[in-house]
N, C-alpha and C. Protein backbone atom coordinates (compact mmCIF):
# COMPACT_ATOMS: atom_id res chain seq x y z
N MET A 1 14.27 9.52 -67.11
CA MET A 1 14.59 10.28 -67.89
C MET A 1 15.89 10.17 -66.83
N GLY A 2 16.98 9.33 -67.31
CA GLY A 2 18.48 9.35 -66.17
C GLY A 2 20.16 8.79 -66.89
N ASN A 3 20.97 9.82 -65.91
CA ASN A 3 22.05 9.50 -66.59
C ASN A 3 23.13 9.45 -65.13
N LEU A 4 24.10 8.44 -65.97
CA LEU A 4 25.53 7.64 -65.38
C LEU A 4 26.52 8.34 -66.15
N GLY A 5 27.58 8.91 -64.63
CA GLY A 5 29.05 9.84 -65.50
C GLY A 5 30.46 9.50 -65.14
N TRP A 6 30.97 8.93 -65.84
CA TRP A 6 32.80 8.71 -65.24
C TRP A 6 33.44 9.77 -65.74
N GLN A 7 34.27 10.89 -64.69
CA GLN A 7 35.36 11.20 -65.37
C GLN A 7 36.61 11.32 -65.52
N ASP A 8 37.22 10.47 -65.45
CA ASP A 8 38.25 10.53 -65.22
C ASP A 8 39.54 11.67 -64.58
N TRP A 9 39.37 11.85 -63.62
CA TRP A 9 40.24 13.43 -63.18
C TRP A 9 41.76 12.77 -62.93
N SER A 10 42.41 11.58 -62.32
CA SER A 10 43.31 10.69 -62.23
C SER A 10 44.13 11.07 -63.18
N GLU A 11 43.42 11.56 -64.34
CA GLU A 11 44.59 11.50 -65.29
C GLU A 11 45.54 12.94 -65.36
N PHE A 12 44.79 14.42 -65.39
CA PHE A 12 44.96 15.44 -64.90
C PHE A 12 45.20 15.93 -63.46
N GLY A 13 45.92 15.06 -62.69
CA GLY A 13 46.65 15.68 -61.09
C GLY A 13 47.62 16.29 -60.83
N LYS A 14 48.36 16.53 -62.27
CA LYS A 14 49.72 16.94 -61.95
C LYS A 14 49.70 18.12 -62.96
N VAL A 15 50.03 18.89 -61.84
CA VAL A 15 49.48 20.83 -62.93
C VAL A 15 52.07 21.35 -62.77
N ASP A 16 51.60 20.75 -64.43
CA ASP A 16 53.16 22.00 -64.35
C ASP A 16 53.06 23.32 -64.38
N VAL A 17 53.15 24.42 -63.86
CA VAL A 17 53.82 26.24 -63.66
C VAL A 17 55.08 26.18 -64.17
N THR A 18 55.73 27.00 -65.21
CA THR A 18 57.16 27.70 -65.25
C THR A 18 57.30 29.66 -65.75
N VAL A 19 57.61 29.39 -64.49
CA VAL A 19 57.67 30.87 -65.13
C VAL A 19 59.36 31.63 -65.58
N ALA A 20 58.71 32.42 -66.96
CA ALA A 20 59.88 33.15 -67.55
C ALA A 20 60.54 34.54 -66.90
N ALA A 21 61.80 34.06 -66.74
CA ALA A 21 62.14 34.81 -66.14
C ALA A 21 63.91 35.11 -66.30
N GLU A 22 64.22 35.88 -65.80
CA GLU A 22 65.62 36.31 -66.22
C GLU A 22 66.27 34.31 -65.77
N ASP A 23 65.96 33.82 -63.92
CA ASP A 23 65.93 32.78 -63.80
C ASP A 23 64.88 32.16 -62.85
N THR A 24 64.83 31.64 -64.65
CA THR A 24 63.43 30.95 -64.67
C THR A 24 63.00 29.21 -63.68
N THR A 25 61.81 29.35 -62.81
CA THR A 25 61.67 28.40 -62.43
C THR A 25 59.96 27.79 -62.79
N SER A 26 60.61 26.14 -61.98
CA SER A 26 58.87 25.67 -62.86
C SER A 26 58.59 24.63 -61.42
N LEU A 27 58.15 24.89 -61.01
CA LEU A 27 56.80 23.83 -60.73
C LEU A 27 56.21 22.83 -61.10
N THR A 28 55.83 21.78 -60.79
CA THR A 28 54.58 20.70 -59.96
C THR A 28 54.35 20.84 -59.49
N VAL A 29 53.00 20.12 -58.85
CA VAL A 29 52.21 19.66 -58.48
C VAL A 29 51.15 18.70 -58.91
N ASP A 30 51.05 17.95 -57.14
CA ASP A 30 50.46 16.93 -58.07
C ASP A 30 49.03 17.19 -57.44
N ARG A 31 47.84 17.82 -57.88
CA ARG A 31 47.20 17.56 -56.39
C ARG A 31 45.95 16.67 -56.51
N GLN A 32 46.37 15.45 -56.57
CA GLN A 32 45.73 14.10 -56.38
C GLN A 32 44.72 13.30 -56.29
N TYR A 33 44.00 14.13 -58.25
CA TYR A 33 42.82 14.34 -58.25
C TYR A 33 41.90 12.49 -58.43
N GLU A 34 41.30 12.34 -58.12
CA GLU A 34 40.19 10.77 -58.80
C GLU A 34 39.18 10.73 -59.40
N ASP A 35 39.35 9.56 -59.73
CA ASP A 35 38.15 10.06 -61.12
C ASP A 35 37.04 9.94 -60.31
N THR A 36 35.68 10.32 -60.42
CA THR A 36 34.59 10.37 -60.03
C THR A 36 33.89 10.32 -61.55
N TRP A 37 32.15 9.63 -60.49
CA TRP A 37 31.18 9.57 -60.85
C TRP A 37 30.15 10.57 -60.79
N HIS A 38 28.92 10.82 -61.79
CA HIS A 38 27.93 11.39 -61.66
C HIS A 38 26.65 10.34 -62.24
N ALA A 39 25.28 10.80 -60.72
CA ALA A 39 24.13 9.65 -61.13
C ALA A 39 23.31 11.10 -61.22
N ALA A 40 22.21 11.00 -62.08
CA ALA A 40 21.07 11.64 -61.89
C ALA A 40 19.51 10.98 -62.51
N LEU A 41 18.45 11.23 -61.86
CA LEU A 41 16.81 10.90 -62.13
C LEU A 41 16.09 12.16 -62.15
N GLY A 42 15.59 11.62 -63.41
CA GLY A 42 14.59 12.75 -63.53
C GLY A 42 13.09 12.46 -63.87
N ALA A 43 12.11 13.17 -64.09
CA ALA A 43 10.80 12.86 -64.68
C ALA A 43 10.34 14.00 -64.52
N GLN A 44 9.35 13.97 -65.83
CA GLN A 44 8.66 15.06 -66.00
C GLN A 44 6.68 14.99 -66.41
N TYR A 45 6.85 15.26 -65.83
CA TYR A 45 4.82 15.24 -66.02
C TYR A 45 3.58 16.33 -67.24
N GLN A 46 3.40 15.98 -67.78
CA GLN A 46 2.40 17.34 -68.83
C GLN A 46 1.47 17.83 -67.53
N LEU A 47 1.76 18.43 -66.80
CA LEU A 47 -0.19 19.13 -66.24
C LEU A 47 -1.47 19.65 -66.73
N SER A 48 -1.30 20.13 -68.47
CA SER A 48 -1.70 20.72 -68.64
C SER A 48 -1.19 21.76 -70.00
N ALA A 49 -1.56 21.21 -71.62
CA ALA A 49 -1.11 22.26 -71.94
C ALA A 49 -1.32 23.55 -71.70
N PRO A 50 0.25 23.95 -72.10
CA PRO A 50 1.07 23.90 -72.61
C PRO A 50 2.55 23.87 -71.06
N TRP A 51 1.67 22.97 -69.15
CA TRP A 51 2.16 23.55 -68.34
C TRP A 51 3.10 21.72 -68.41
N LEU A 52 4.36 22.36 -68.43
CA LEU A 52 4.98 20.92 -68.48
C LEU A 52 5.52 21.17 -66.90
N LEU A 53 5.84 19.28 -66.06
CA LEU A 53 5.89 20.00 -64.69
C LEU A 53 7.80 19.32 -64.35
N SER A 54 8.72 19.75 -64.04
CA SER A 54 10.45 18.92 -64.82
C SER A 54 10.99 18.68 -62.53
N GLY A 55 10.94 17.50 -62.06
CA GLY A 55 11.82 17.83 -60.92
C GLY A 55 13.03 16.46 -61.38
N GLY A 56 14.60 16.81 -60.54
CA GLY A 56 15.13 14.98 -59.88
C GLY A 56 16.11 15.94 -59.30
N ILE A 57 16.82 14.86 -59.46
CA ILE A 57 18.02 14.92 -57.91
C ILE A 57 19.21 14.70 -58.86
N ALA A 58 20.31 14.70 -58.35
CA ALA A 58 21.37 14.34 -59.11
C ALA A 58 22.68 14.27 -57.90
N TYR A 59 24.20 13.58 -58.52
CA TYR A 59 25.09 13.44 -57.31
C TYR A 59 26.63 13.79 -57.95
N ASP A 60 27.30 14.60 -57.58
CA ASP A 60 28.08 14.37 -58.06
C ASP A 60 29.97 13.45 -57.05
N SER A 61 30.37 12.88 -57.04
CA SER A 61 31.33 12.43 -56.17
C SER A 61 32.24 13.20 -56.38
N GLU A 62 33.06 13.18 -55.16
CA GLU A 62 34.90 14.10 -55.66
C GLU A 62 36.05 13.80 -56.11
N MET A 63 36.38 15.03 -56.24
CA MET A 63 37.46 14.40 -57.07
C MET A 63 39.09 14.44 -55.67
N VAL A 64 38.71 15.23 -55.20
CA VAL A 64 39.98 14.32 -54.15
C VAL A 64 39.94 14.53 -52.54
N ASP A 65 40.38 13.10 -52.13
CA ASP A 65 40.01 13.77 -50.84
C ASP A 65 40.32 14.08 -49.64
N GLU A 66 39.78 14.18 -48.30
CA GLU A 66 39.86 15.66 -47.99
C GLU A 66 40.39 16.19 -47.80
N LYS A 67 41.76 15.35 -47.55
CA LYS A 67 42.77 16.06 -46.55
C LYS A 67 43.75 16.42 -47.81
N ASP A 68 42.91 16.34 -48.42
CA ASP A 68 43.34 17.24 -50.13
C ASP A 68 42.49 18.34 -50.59
N LEU A 69 41.06 18.71 -50.09
CA LEU A 69 40.97 19.18 -50.52
C LEU A 69 41.45 20.71 -50.21
N THR A 70 40.77 22.09 -51.76
CA THR A 70 41.74 22.85 -51.60
C THR A 70 40.49 23.99 -51.49
N PRO A 71 39.61 25.58 -51.27
CA PRO A 71 38.50 26.10 -51.34
C PRO A 71 38.84 26.53 -53.70
N ASP A 72 39.93 26.26 -54.03
CA ASP A 72 40.05 26.22 -55.59
C ASP A 72 38.78 25.27 -56.62
N LEU A 73 38.66 24.21 -55.44
CA LEU A 73 38.30 22.62 -56.30
C LEU A 73 36.42 23.10 -55.42
N PRO A 74 35.94 21.93 -56.32
CA PRO A 74 34.63 21.11 -55.68
C PRO A 74 34.91 20.25 -54.94
N ALA A 75 34.12 20.50 -53.69
CA ALA A 75 33.40 18.79 -52.93
C ALA A 75 31.81 18.39 -54.25
N ALA A 76 32.60 17.11 -53.48
CA ALA A 76 30.88 15.95 -53.89
C ALA A 76 29.82 17.00 -53.67
N ARG A 77 28.62 16.62 -54.14
CA ARG A 77 27.28 17.75 -54.16
C ARG A 77 26.00 16.60 -54.40
N CYS A 78 25.18 16.73 -53.66
CA CYS A 78 23.86 16.44 -54.18
C CYS A 78 22.75 17.64 -54.29
N GLY A 79 22.05 17.82 -54.74
CA GLY A 79 20.92 18.74 -55.68
C GLY A 79 20.06 18.39 -55.71
N ALA A 80 18.67 18.90 -55.50
CA ALA A 80 17.37 18.37 -56.55
C ALA A 80 16.96 19.94 -57.16
N SER A 81 16.00 19.22 -57.75
CA SER A 81 15.10 21.22 -59.28
C SER A 81 14.20 20.31 -58.64
N VAL A 82 13.69 21.51 -59.03
CA VAL A 82 11.35 21.17 -59.47
C VAL A 82 11.13 22.71 -60.04
N SER A 83 10.38 22.62 -61.49
CA SER A 83 10.64 24.04 -62.13
C SER A 83 9.00 23.14 -63.17
N VAL A 84 8.06 24.43 -63.22
CA VAL A 84 7.12 24.06 -64.20
C VAL A 84 7.60 24.94 -65.31
N GLY A 85 6.64 24.29 -66.46
CA GLY A 85 7.73 25.67 -67.53
C GLY A 85 6.31 25.61 -69.39
N SER A 86 6.30 26.57 -69.78
CA SER A 86 5.48 25.94 -71.40
C SER A 86 6.42 25.53 -72.35
N MET A 87 6.25 24.32 -72.44
CA MET A 87 6.15 23.72 -73.85
C MET A 87 6.18 24.58 -75.17
N PRO A 88 7.39 24.43 -75.87
CA PRO A 88 6.97 25.79 -77.01
C PRO A 88 6.14 24.97 -78.30
N GLY A 89 5.61 25.66 -79.00
CA GLY A 89 4.51 25.76 -79.52
C GLY A 89 3.60 24.32 -79.16
N ALA A 90 2.85 24.27 -78.05
CA ALA A 90 2.34 23.78 -77.76
C ALA A 90 0.89 24.07 -77.59
N ARG A 91 -0.75 24.12 -78.17
CA ARG A 91 -1.96 24.58 -78.32
C ARG A 91 -1.76 24.74 -76.36
N ARG A 92 -2.74 25.93 -76.83
CA ARG A 92 -3.18 25.88 -74.84
C ARG A 92 -5.17 26.11 -74.96
């Protein structure tokens, strides 16, 4: 199993904020978003009915350069997982 993805974040890089009050204020912030990509690869192995072993790895690229990174934005991430579960309806 595998997955490749592309997110067009550069289209959403400008954030407009308007505060409605007696003296209305508007602010536009350019978050400098960049397009990102995602890749994942996984596998499953039938141990014995009903047990299924699953595992995989994934990577997501950064949506901003390090100089534009703020605490509310995700950084690039790598991940791995392994799990064991039972398949619904499998005979024991």
